[in-house]
Protein backbone atom coordinates (compact mmCIF):
# COMPACT_ATOMS: atom_id res chain seq x y z
CA MET A 1 112.05 110.93 63.88
CA ALA A 2 112.33 110.70 67.64
CA ALA A 3 114.57 108.01 69.01
CA ASP A 4 114.33 106.06 72.21
CA ILE A 5 117.03 106.81 74.75
CA THR A 6 118.56 104.58 77.40
CA ILE A 7 118.23 105.43 81.09
CA LYS A 8 119.63 103.42 83.98
CA ILE A 9 117.39 103.36 87.03
CA THR A 10 118.37 101.76 90.33
CA ASP A 11 115.20 100.71 92.15
CA ARG A 12 114.62 100.79 95.91
CA GLU A 13 115.92 97.21 96.21
CA GLY A 14 119.23 98.25 94.66
CA VAL A 15 118.57 96.51 91.34
CA VAL A 16 119.76 98.39 88.25
CA HIS A 17 117.35 98.48 85.31
CA GLU A 18 118.49 99.69 81.91
CA VAL A 19 115.30 100.89 80.25
CA GLN A 20 114.36 102.35 76.90
CA ALA A 21 112.51 105.66 77.12
CA PRO A 22 110.56 107.21 74.25
CA THR A 23 111.34 110.88 73.63
CA ASP A 24 108.17 111.52 71.63
CA MET A 25 105.47 110.72 74.21
CA ALA A 26 105.86 113.69 76.58
CA MET A 27 106.64 111.31 79.45
CA ASN A 28 108.68 112.13 82.52
CA ILE A 29 110.99 110.02 84.71
CA MET A 30 108.25 109.25 87.24
CA GLU A 31 105.91 107.96 84.50
CA LEU A 32 108.76 105.92 83.03
CA CYS A 33 109.35 104.24 86.41
CA ARG A 34 105.63 103.49 86.66
CA SER A 35 105.40 102.09 83.14
CA TYR A 36 108.25 99.68 83.89
CA GLU A 37 106.80 98.98 87.37
CA LEU A 38 110.11 99.80 89.07
CA ALA A 39 108.31 100.75 92.29
CA PRO A 40 105.21 99.17 93.84
CA GLU A 41 101.88 100.71 92.82
CA GLY A 42 100.96 103.59 95.12
CA THR A 43 104.55 104.32 96.17
CA ILE A 44 105.62 106.52 93.26
CA GLY A 45 103.85 109.41 91.57
CA VAL A 46 101.26 109.56 94.34
CA CYS A 47 100.26 113.16 93.49
CA GLY A 48 100.10 112.45 89.75
CA GLY A 49 103.17 114.45 88.84
CA MET A 50 102.24 117.84 90.31
CA ALA A 51 105.36 118.20 92.50
CA MET A 52 103.04 117.94 95.52
CA CYS A 53 104.62 114.85 97.07
CA ALA A 54 108.14 113.49 96.98
CA SER A 55 107.28 109.89 96.14
CA CYS A 56 109.21 110.10 92.86
CA GLN A 57 112.33 111.64 94.37
CA CYS A 58 115.45 110.28 92.76
CA TYR A 59 119.18 110.85 92.95
CA VAL A 60 120.98 111.87 89.78
CA LEU A 61 124.13 109.74 89.61
CA ASN A 62 125.89 111.12 86.56
CA ASP A 63 126.48 114.40 84.81
CA VAL A 64 123.62 114.74 82.35
CA GLU A 65 122.13 118.14 81.66
CA LEU A 66 118.74 118.37 83.32
CA PRO A 67 116.11 121.11 83.15
CA GLU A 68 116.48 123.84 85.77
CA MET A 69 114.68 123.13 89.03
CA GLU A 70 111.47 125.14 89.39
CA ALA A 71 110.29 126.70 92.66
CA ASP A 72 107.60 124.02 93.27
CA GLU A 73 110.13 121.22 93.04
CA ASP A 74 112.64 123.08 95.20
CA ALA A 75 109.98 123.71 97.88
CA MET A 76 108.84 120.08 97.86
CA LEU A 77 112.39 118.78 98.22
CA SER A 78 112.99 121.15 101.12
CA GLU A 79 110.28 119.25 103.06
CA ALA A 80 111.05 115.72 101.85
CA PHE A 81 112.93 112.93 103.59
CA TYR A 82 116.26 111.45 102.40
CA VAL A 83 117.11 114.55 100.35
CA LYS A 84 120.65 114.76 98.97
CA PRO A 85 122.34 117.51 96.94
CA ASN A 86 121.62 115.48 93.79
CA SER A 87 117.92 114.94 94.54
CA ARG A 88 115.30 115.69 91.92
CA LEU A 89 111.62 114.88 91.53
CA GLY A 90 111.20 112.44 88.66
CA CYS A 91 107.90 114.02 87.63
CA GLN A 92 109.72 117.28 86.92
CA ILE A 93 112.21 115.77 84.48
CA PRO A 94 110.71 115.41 81.00
CA ILE A 95 112.25 112.69 78.85
CA THR A 96 114.20 114.32 76.04
CA GLU A 97 117.05 113.16 73.82
CA GLU A 98 119.44 115.14 76.05
CA LEU A 99 118.82 112.61 78.85
CA ASP A 100 120.34 109.71 76.92
CA GLY A 101 122.61 107.81 79.31
CA LEU A 102 121.10 109.32 82.46
CA GLU A 103 121.63 107.25 85.62
CA ILE A 104 119.35 107.72 88.59
CA GLU A 105 118.52 105.94 91.81
CA LEU A 106 115.06 106.01 93.38
CA ALA A 107 115.07 107.54 96.86
CA PRO A 108 113.83 105.36 99.73
CA GLU A 109 110.09 105.40 100.30
CA SER A 110 109.31 107.94 103.01
């Protein structure tokens, strides 16, 4: 049976949300942020999770094993604003049990 995991997400106002994320619904970090309404409608996941915009860019704050970055994500981040070495696109991080305890911060809206 799949368990929910806990993820800490700091929104663009600096507020930390500790949210429960289901590991059995094939959701990603961007969709999780949308389902909890942690960013205003139309400011996150603009491209629908295709790694075609950077509206779901986030900073990974702790050492949790994430999936390898694919070329699409790498290319998008190379053109995005406010990119840091720990930047990832939330839509490219599927929610799995390995992410339990992940801490991220949403990048500023560009």
